[in-house]
Structures are given as C-alpha cells and as structure tokens.
C-alpha cells in the first residue's frame, strides 16, 4: 500500500498520510492517489483508527496540484494515462467527502489544484497564516477540477468565479469565507494539534485549537466582485471589470485577459452548471467530461509548456480572444463521453448519518469525534 511519495503512519487512534514530495511541493502523481485510496479503505474498516490526517512534507505547502508535466506529455502524445489518473483522483475526491470517519487536512502553505481536491472536501479543513490556496487552471488552458467547480460555485456571491477565472491564490481567512476551509490555526500550534489527534477526537482537538481568523481581504471586495461577475458571458464580465474604475477590478480584468480564452469561457459555464448540480458527484462527473475534452485542446499543452516546461510565460493561445471562442467548443465540453463516463453517484438521501454531505459552506463540526 505504501510508496515513498506518501508516508502511511499510525500513532494511537490516528492514521496519518504525509504527502512526501517536498521538492515538488508534494504534487500528486497517480501512485500517490492510489496509496491514499488504499489507506482510506483499510482505515475505514479498522476500529482502532478514529481519525485520518492528511498533511504535506516540508515547509512549502500541502500540495501544489497534480503532476502537470506528466499530463503535458500525455496531451502531446494523445495518450490515455491522464484519463486513468483523473478517474482515480476524482473517485478519491468523492471518497474523502463521504468518508465515515473524520478527516483532518492541514492546508498549510501552498494548496493548489489537486491539493484542494484532497483537502477541501474533508470534514475538518485547517488553514493557517501561511496558507495560499488557489485553482490556477485557466493559466494553463485548463478548467478547475477535483470538485473545484462545486466548491467555488457554492462560495458566497461571485467570489468563487473571481478566484476561478483569475486563478488567484487566497489566504486562509479568505478560504474560510469561501467554504474551502473550516478552521484557522496558527502554524506554530500545528505540531501540538497533530500530537493530540492521536489520543483525542478530531472535533474536540480542532475545536480546542481553532482561532478566530483574521479579516478576509475578499470580504472587503465583495461589492465589485458580485457586480462584475454576475453576467453569464465572459466578455461582458471583462468589460464590467475594466469599466468599474477600481484598481483591483482593473487588475482582475488584465489577469483574465491573459488567460486562455477557451479555458475562461468553459470555466464560467462549468461554475454556472455546478451551481445547479445536485451533488459533488454530479459536478465531478461533469469535470471529468471537461477534462477529457481539454486534454485535446491546443491551449492545454501550450499553457503547460509556457508555464512549466519552457517557462517563457508567453503562451500562444488559440483562439487569442474571448470573442473568437467557438460556442460549440464550450457546449461540447460538457457532452456525454459514453463508455468513458466517470459514473459517480451521490449516496442515497436516506443513508445513515455516517455519510457526510459534501461541503458547501464552512464547517465547525464534523462526523465522529
């Protein structure tokens, strides 16, 4: 079950998963996803495990996302490895959200993309003063996934859409406001919190050390964010941002204008659809369809090349403008993929309280203790 990229540890009643690729800020590869899933299966059936903890090795953060360079080579070669990786990853995201025991995630430091997927669906999601959390996919010609469209679509007002289109990283306080995290704990206290989880229930420990978060910077920006991002057309949103006469809104317009026009257009549509979805699982099924389509977009390979391979930070998007994005490409991104469908379904509404609903708002309590 164990590989060197994930340390699987037991201390007292705590099962601890440590993402162990610190040089890569613990970016997820397929083996790590499988190891985490296997550990969750084993510990759910083990009465000696009361709580699961997920943290990251090193000082830089929990997880910088998926192993994008591997996906880049798959996209260029027309391979199918990404499909298999995403299938297992999205199943894991849903598994974390519905796990019958408390899962505590330390969203300390950098938490991006796939890192959000393995942390923000958990029952106890801890951020600190060092947290920097984001879904930066539009910058590489991709669309938020790992349940990110569900989480961001259910953030207050249009905060989630702002974060999704700009790809900006938010603070721990912002993440709590947006429903991506549930508790704020000073980073210096985290070792003590971890030690106590081995002996005491998750809710009691996290409740004991949870603090009042600092003021959210995004909360002060709601007035222009909600107004500017209300339209369902990306071009109109850009026009509103640019015409508001507010420095932060103008900066957001410039940021979005530099992203992949196709990815921006599909991301907007994805969040609008996710807001109407009935469950996290439904949103993940949608994201899987979009991801498979995006794998063949020219912008995805080009975005990864520009940001992570050649690192010239100068992607040549195709098309180059929002007005030129084909409406058929946007609509087609959500079409059924037949035999390749992810096929996740939400638990029966009559299930026992052991099932935990996927998060749509900050939590202060959780399953079990």
Protein backbone atom coordinates (compact mmCIF):
# COMPACT_ATOMS: atom_id res chain seq x y z
CA UNK A 1 0.00 0.00 0.00
CA UNK A 2 2.81 2.40 0.83
CA UNK A 3 5.24 4.12 -1.51
CA UNK A 4 7.89 6.68 -0.70
CA UNK A 5 5.80 9.52 -2.11
CA UNK A 6 3.18 9.04 0.62
CA UNK A 7 4.14 8.08 4.16
CA UNK A 8 1.41 5.96 5.77
CA UNK A 9 1.70 6.19 9.55
CA UNK A 10 -0.27 5.06 12.61
CA UNK A 11 0.01 6.71 16.03
CA UNK A 12 -2.58 5.78 18.63
CA UNK A 13 -6.01 6.26 17.09
CA UNK A 14 -4.67 8.45 14.28
CA UNK A 15 -4.00 7.34 10.72
CA UNK A 16 -1.62 9.89 9.20
CA UNK A 17 -0.95 10.33 5.46
CA UNK A 18 2.05 12.54 4.69
CA UNK A 19 2.46 13.65 1.08
CA UNK A 20 6.20 13.22 0.65
CA UNK A 21 7.49 15.03 -2.43
CA UNK A 22 8.66 18.28 -0.80
CA UNK A 23 10.87 19.34 -3.72
CA UNK A 24 7.74 19.38 -5.91
CA UNK A 25 5.61 20.86 -3.09
CA UNK A 26 4.10 17.37 -2.82
CA UNK A 27 2.49 17.43 -6.28
CA UNK A 28 0.22 14.41 -6.74
CA UNK A 29 1.09 11.56 -9.06
CA UNK A 30 -1.02 8.51 -9.79
CA UNK A 31 0.79 6.31 -7.32
CA UNK A 32 0.09 8.77 -4.52
CA UNK A 33 -3.63 8.81 -5.34
CA UNK A 34 -3.73 5.02 -5.21
CA UNK A 35 -1.82 4.88 -1.94
CA UNK A 36 -4.15 7.38 -0.27
CA UNK A 37 -7.22 5.50 -1.51
CA UNK A 38 -5.88 2.16 -0.26
CA UNK A 39 -5.11 3.61 3.18
CA UNK A 40 -8.60 5.08 3.46
CA UNK A 41 -10.10 1.71 2.57
CA UNK A 42 -8.04 -0.06 5.22
CA UNK A 43 -8.59 2.51 7.97
CA UNK A 44 -12.33 2.80 7.43
CA UNK A 45 -12.65 -0.88 8.35
CA UNK A 46 -10.22 -0.61 11.28
CA UNK A 47 -11.96 0.19 14.60
CA UNK A 48 -8.62 1.27 16.03
CA UNK A 49 -8.47 4.27 13.69
CA UNK A 50 -10.72 7.13 14.81
CA UNK A 51 -9.31 9.97 12.70
CA UNK A 52 -7.38 10.37 9.46
CA UNK A 53 -4.92 13.24 8.99
CA UNK A 54 -3.54 14.43 5.64
CA UNK A 55 -0.52 16.75 5.66
CA UNK A 56 2.44 17.62 3.47
CA UNK A 57 6.17 17.15 3.99
CA UNK A 58 8.46 20.18 4.00
CA UNK A 59 7.80 23.82 4.74
CA UNK A 60 6.32 24.99 1.44
CA UNK A 61 2.83 23.60 1.49
CA UNK A 62 0.40 20.71 1.48
CA UNK A 63 0.27 20.13 -2.28
CA UNK A 64 0.93 22.18 -5.42
CA UNK A 65 -1.55 20.18 -7.51
CA UNK A 66 -1.26 17.31 -9.93
CA UNK A 67 1.86 16.22 -11.75
CA UNK A 68 1.16 18.52 -14.71
CA UNK A 69 4.31 17.78 -16.69
CA UNK A 70 3.28 14.12 -16.97
CA UNK A 71 -0.12 15.23 -18.23
CA UNK A 72 1.63 17.54 -20.72
CA UNK A 73 3.47 14.64 -22.33
CA UNK A 74 0.24 12.64 -22.39
CA UNK A 75 -1.58 15.51 -24.11
CA UNK A 76 1.12 15.86 -26.74
CA UNK A 77 1.23 12.14 -27.48
CA UNK A 78 -2.52 11.55 -27.48
CA UNK A 79 -2.17 9.03 -24.65
CA UNK A 80 -4.71 7.82 -22.09
CA UNK A 81 -2.70 7.97 -18.85
CA UNK A 82 -4.34 11.24 -17.83
CA UNK A 83 -7.79 9.73 -18.18
CA UNK A 84 -6.88 6.91 -15.79
CA UNK A 85 -5.25 9.31 -13.33
CA UNK A 86 -8.22 11.68 -13.30
CA UNK A 87 -10.67 8.80 -12.92
CA UNK A 88 -8.92 7.55 -9.78
CA UNK A 89 -8.31 11.08 -8.48
CA UNK A 90 -11.93 12.18 -8.81
CA UNK A 91 -13.13 8.99 -7.15
CA UNK A 92 -10.76 9.81 -4.30
CA UNK A 93 -12.13 13.35 -4.03
CA UNK A 94 -15.66 11.98 -3.65
CA UNK A 95 -14.43 9.34 -1.20
CA UNK A 96 -12.90 11.98 1.06
CA UNK A 97 -16.12 13.99 1.06
CA UNK A 98 -18.21 10.96 2.08
CA UNK A 99 -15.77 9.24 4.42
CA UNK A 100 -17.40 7.79 7.52
CA UNK A 101 -14.62 8.93 9.89
CA UNK A 102 -13.26 12.43 10.46
CA UNK A 103 -10.56 13.51 8.01
CA UNK A 104 -8.41 16.43 9.13
CA UNK A 105 -6.43 18.19 6.41
CA UNK A 106 -3.65 20.68 7.09
CA UNK A 107 -3.99 23.27 4.32
CA UNK A 108 -0.83 24.99 5.49
CA UNK A 109 1.31 26.81 2.91
CA UNK A 110 0.62 26.31 -0.79
CA UNK A 111 -2.50 24.34 -1.73
CA UNK A 112 -3.31 24.36 -5.45
CA UNK A 113 -5.47 22.39 -7.86
CA UNK A 114 -5.31 18.72 -6.92
CA UNK A 115 -4.20 19.74 -3.44
CA UNK A 116 -7.58 21.42 -3.00
CA UNK A 117 -9.22 18.19 -4.12
CA UNK A 118 -7.65 16.11 -1.36
CA UNK A 119 -8.18 18.69 1.37
CA UNK A 120 -11.18 20.98 0.84
CA UNK A 121 -13.71 18.11 0.76
CA UNK A 122 -12.65 16.79 4.18
CA UNK A 123 -14.60 17.20 7.40
CA UNK A 124 -12.01 19.35 9.22
CA UNK A 125 -10.06 21.67 6.91
CA UNK A 126 -7.40 23.66 8.73
CA UNK A 127 -5.71 26.76 7.33
CA UNK A 128 -3.04 28.96 8.87
CA UNK A 129 -1.49 32.37 8.39
CA UNK A 130 0.78 30.74 5.78
CA UNK A 131 -2.00 29.29 3.62
CA UNK A 132 -2.15 30.23 -0.05
CA UNK A 133 -4.95 28.38 -1.78
CA UNK A 134 -5.99 28.51 -5.41
CA UNK A 135 -7.29 26.87 -8.56
CA UNK A 136 -4.96 28.33 -11.25
CA UNK A 137 -6.10 26.15 -14.15
CA UNK A 138 -7.15 28.89 -16.59
CA UNK A 139 -3.49 29.97 -16.76
CA UNK A 140 -2.54 26.64 -18.35
CA UNK A 141 -5.53 26.32 -20.67
CA UNK A 142 -7.43 24.02 -18.32
CA UNK A 143 -10.56 24.22 -16.15
CA UNK A 144 -10.89 23.78 -12.36
CA UNK A 145 -11.48 20.12 -11.49
CA UNK A 146 -11.18 17.76 -8.45
CA UNK A 147 -14.55 19.10 -7.29
CA UNK A 148 -13.27 22.66 -7.54
CA UNK A 149 -16.20 23.82 -9.66
CA UNK A 150 -18.57 22.56 -6.96
CA UNK A 151 -16.68 24.28 -4.16
CA UNK A 152 -16.19 27.57 -5.99
CA UNK A 153 -19.75 27.66 -7.34
CA UNK A 154 -21.06 27.50 -3.77
CA UNK A 155 -18.82 30.23 -2.39
CA UNK A 156 -20.68 33.40 -1.33
CA UNK A 157 -21.79 35.60 -4.22
CA UNK A 158 -19.31 35.52 -7.10
CA UNK A 159 -16.15 35.05 -5.03
CA UNK A 160 -15.66 31.57 -6.45
CA UNK A 161 -15.97 32.72 -10.04
CA UNK A 162 -13.48 35.52 -9.39
CA UNK A 163 -11.00 33.01 -7.98
CA UNK A 164 -11.60 30.55 -10.82
CA UNK A 165 -11.24 32.98 -13.73
CA UNK A 166 -8.26 34.88 -12.34
CA UNK A 167 -6.55 31.83 -10.84
CA UNK A 168 -5.61 33.97 -7.85
CA UNK A 169 -4.42 32.45 -4.59
CA UNK A 170 -6.43 33.34 -1.50
CA UNK A 171 -5.46 33.50 2.17
CA UNK A 172 -6.60 31.16 4.89
CA UNK A 173 -9.15 33.72 6.06
CA UNK A 174 -10.47 34.05 2.52
CA UNK A 175 -10.67 30.25 2.21
CA UNK A 176 -12.86 30.04 5.31
CA UNK A 177 -15.14 32.75 3.94
CA UNK A 178 -15.41 30.85 0.66
CA UNK A 179 -16.16 27.50 2.29
CA UNK A 180 -12.87 25.91 1.23
CA UNK A 181 -11.71 25.57 4.84
CA UNK A 182 -13.35 25.25 8.24
CA UNK A 183 -10.82 26.25 10.91
CA UNK A 184 -7.94 28.69 11.33
CA UNK A 185 -4.96 27.57 13.45
CA UNK A 186 -1.61 29.32 13.83
CA UNK A 187 1.07 27.26 12.11
CA UNK A 188 3.19 27.13 15.27
CA UNK A 189 0.42 25.17 17.00
CA UNK A 190 0.01 22.51 14.32
CA UNK A 191 2.56 20.04 15.78
CA UNK A 192 0.72 20.09 19.11
CA UNK A 193 -2.61 19.61 17.34
CA UNK A 194 -1.24 16.61 15.42
CA UNK A 195 0.06 15.01 18.61
CA UNK A 196 -3.30 15.36 20.35
CA UNK A 197 -5.19 13.81 17.43
CA UNK A 198 -3.53 10.51 18.29
CA UNK A 199 -5.35 10.48 21.63
CA UNK A 200 -8.49 12.61 21.33
CA UNK A 201 -11.37 13.06 18.91
CA UNK A 202 -10.96 15.29 15.88
CA UNK A 203 -13.79 17.69 16.71
CA UNK A 204 -12.56 18.20 20.26
CA UNK A 205 -8.95 18.79 19.22
CA UNK A 206 -9.66 21.05 16.26
CA UNK A 207 -12.26 22.94 18.25
CA UNK A 208 -9.77 23.48 21.06
CA UNK A 209 -7.07 24.98 18.85
CA UNK A 210 -9.25 26.73 16.29
CA UNK A 211 -8.92 30.50 16.38
CA UNK A 212 -10.89 33.45 15.08
CA UNK A 213 -9.44 34.02 11.60
CA UNK A 214 -8.05 37.39 10.51
CA UNK A 215 -10.27 39.62 8.44
CA UNK A 216 -10.80 38.34 4.92
CA UNK A 217 -9.48 40.66 2.22
CA UNK A 218 -12.03 39.27 -0.23
CA UNK A 219 -14.87 40.19 2.10
CA UNK A 220 -13.99 43.84 1.53
CA UNK A 221 -14.08 43.34 -2.24
CA UNK A 222 -17.49 41.69 -2.47
CA UNK A 223 -19.19 44.88 -3.66
CA UNK A 224 -17.40 44.99 -7.01
CA UNK A 225 -16.83 41.25 -7.40
CA UNK A 226 -20.52 40.37 -7.16
CA UNK A 227 -21.48 43.13 -9.60
CA UNK A 228 -18.79 42.49 -12.18
CA UNK A 229 -19.06 38.70 -12.30
CA UNK A 230 -22.86 38.48 -12.41
CA UNK A 231 -23.18 38.07 -16.23
CA UNK A 232 -23.03 34.67 -17.90
CA UNK A 233 -20.79 35.95 -20.70
CA UNK A 234 -17.04 36.16 -20.14
CA UNK A 235 -16.61 39.12 -22.46
CA UNK A 236 -19.24 41.10 -20.59
CA UNK A 237 -17.56 40.30 -17.27
CA UNK A 238 -14.27 41.60 -18.65
CA UNK A 239 -15.95 44.81 -19.80
CA UNK A 240 -17.55 45.36 -16.41
CA UNK A 241 -14.27 44.81 -14.59
CA UNK A 242 -12.40 47.21 -16.85
CA UNK A 243 -15.03 49.95 -16.58
CA UNK A 244 -15.54 49.97 -12.81
CA UNK A 245 -12.74 52.41 -12.10
CA UNK A 246 -11.45 50.33 -9.22
CA UNK A 247 -7.77 49.29 -9.24
CA UNK A 248 -8.43 45.73 -8.08
CA UNK A 249 -11.16 45.26 -10.68
CA UNK A 250 -8.90 46.62 -13.43
CA UNK A 251 -6.14 44.24 -12.31
CA UNK A 252 -8.57 41.33 -12.42
CA UNK A 253 -9.56 42.27 -15.97
CA UNK A 254 -5.92 42.30 -17.06
CA UNK A 255 -5.30 38.98 -15.37
CA UNK A 256 -8.26 37.25 -17.01
CA UNK A 257 -7.40 38.73 -20.40
CA UNK A 258 -4.03 36.95 -20.20
CA UNK A 259 -5.60 33.54 -19.55
CA UNK A 260 -6.69 31.02 -22.17
CA UNK A 261 -9.90 32.41 -23.73
CA UNK A 262 -11.24 28.89 -24.23
CA UNK A 263 -10.49 27.89 -20.65
CA UNK A 264 -12.05 31.10 -19.29
CA UNK A 265 -15.23 30.56 -21.30
CA UNK A 266 -15.59 26.91 -20.30
CA UNK A 267 -14.74 27.66 -16.66
CA UNK A 268 -17.53 30.23 -16.48
CA UNK A 269 -20.00 27.75 -17.95
CA UNK A 270 -18.73 24.98 -15.65
CA UNK A 271 -19.29 27.00 -12.49
CA UNK A 272 -22.75 28.07 -13.59
CA UNK A 273 -23.62 24.41 -14.21
CA UNK A 274 -22.03 23.27 -10.94
CA UNK A 275 -24.15 25.76 -9.02
CA UNK A 276 -27.21 23.89 -10.29
CA UNK A 277 -25.78 20.41 -9.76
CA UNK A 278 -27.40 18.24 -7.14
CA UNK A 279 -24.22 16.89 -5.59
CA UNK A 280 -20.45 16.92 -5.60
CA UNK A 281 -20.56 13.66 -7.53
CA UNK A 282 -22.61 15.23 -10.31
CA UNK A 283 -20.10 18.08 -10.52
CA UNK A 284 -17.18 15.62 -10.66
CA UNK A 285 -18.85 13.72 -13.48
CA UNK A 286 -19.11 17.00 -15.37
CA UNK A 287 -15.49 17.89 -14.63
CA UNK A 288 -14.33 14.54 -15.96
CA UNK A 289 -16.03 15.20 -19.31
CA UNK A 290 -14.47 18.65 -19.48
CA UNK A 291 -11.02 17.36 -18.54
CA UNK A 292 -11.07 14.72 -21.29
CA UNK A 293 -12.04 17.39 -23.84
CA UNK A 294 -9.46 19.87 -22.52
CA UNK A 295 -6.71 17.27 -22.87
CA UNK A 296 -7.11 17.65 -26.65
CA UNK A 297 -7.36 21.44 -26.72
CA UNK A 298 -4.24 23.10 -28.14
CA UNK A 299 -4.31 25.56 -25.23
CA UNK A 300 -3.73 22.90 -22.56
CA UNK A 301 -0.41 21.63 -23.88
CA UNK A 302 0.60 25.18 -24.81
CA UNK A 303 -0.25 26.54 -21.38
CA UNK A 304 1.78 23.86 -19.60
CA UNK A 305 4.65 24.41 -22.00
CA UNK A 306 4.72 28.14 -21.36
CA UNK A 307 4.33 27.94 -17.58
CA UNK A 308 6.11 24.76 -16.55
CA UNK A 309 8.23 23.33 -19.39
CA UNK A 310 9.92 26.14 -21.31
CA UNK A 311 8.83 28.66 -18.64
CA UNK A 312 8.76 31.57 -21.07
CA UNK A 313 5.39 32.66 -19.58
CA UNK A 314 4.25 33.60 -23.08
CA UNK A 315 1.57 31.14 -24.23
CA UNK A 316 0.20 31.40 -27.75
CA UNK A 317 -3.50 30.83 -27.14
CA UNK A 318 -5.77 29.61 -29.92
CA UNK A 319 -8.06 31.45 -30.32
CA UNK A 320 -6.44 34.57 -28.92
CA UNK A 321 -9.61 36.46 -27.92
CA UNK A 322 -12.74 35.66 -25.95
CA UNK A 323 -14.91 36.87 -28.83
CA UNK A 324 -13.41 34.19 -31.05
CA UNK A 325 -14.15 31.21 -28.79
CA UNK A 326 -16.48 28.83 -30.59
CA UNK A 327 -19.73 28.38 -28.68
CA UNK A 328 -19.80 24.82 -29.95
CA UNK A 329 -16.49 24.08 -28.24
CA UNK A 330 -17.86 25.40 -24.95
CA UNK A 331 -21.09 23.42 -25.18
CA UNK A 332 -19.27 20.33 -26.43
CA UNK A 333 -17.00 20.29 -23.40
CA UNK A 334 -19.95 19.10 -21.29
CA UNK A 335 -21.27 16.42 -23.65
CA UNK A 336 -21.56 12.81 -22.52
CA UNK A 337 -18.44 10.74 -23.18
CA UNK A 338 -20.25 7.44 -23.50
CA UNK A 339 -18.37 4.41 -22.16
CA UNK A 340 -15.76 6.70 -20.62
CA UNK A 341 -18.24 8.35 -18.23
CA UNK A 342 -16.97 8.69 -14.65
CA UNK A 343 -20.28 7.39 -13.30
CA UNK A 344 -20.17 8.73 -9.74
CA UNK A 345 -23.45 8.96 -7.86
CA UNK A 346 -24.31 10.55 -4.53
CA UNK A 347 -25.27 8.28 -1.63
CA UNK A 348 -28.95 7.67 -1.09
CA UNK A 349 -30.54 10.57 0.78
CA UNK A 350 -31.90 8.07 3.31
CA UNK A 351 -28.40 6.86 4.23
CA UNK A 352 -27.35 6.98 7.86
CA UNK A 353 -25.51 9.87 9.44
CA UNK A 354 -22.26 8.03 8.77
CA UNK A 355 -22.37 9.63 5.32
CA UNK A 356 -21.24 13.22 5.32
CA UNK A 357 -22.59 15.71 2.79
CA UNK A 358 -20.04 17.36 0.56
CA UNK A 359 -19.08 20.80 1.78
CA UNK A 360 -20.92 23.85 0.56
CA UNK A 361 -20.08 26.12 3.49
CA UNK A 362 -17.53 26.37 6.28
CA UNK A 363 -17.90 23.60 8.87
CA UNK A 364 -17.20 23.84 12.57
CA UNK A 365 -18.34 20.34 13.43
CA UNK A 366 -17.84 17.05 11.71
CA UNK A 367 -18.68 13.40 11.66
CA UNK A 368 -17.48 11.45 14.61
CA UNK A 369 -15.15 12.69 17.27
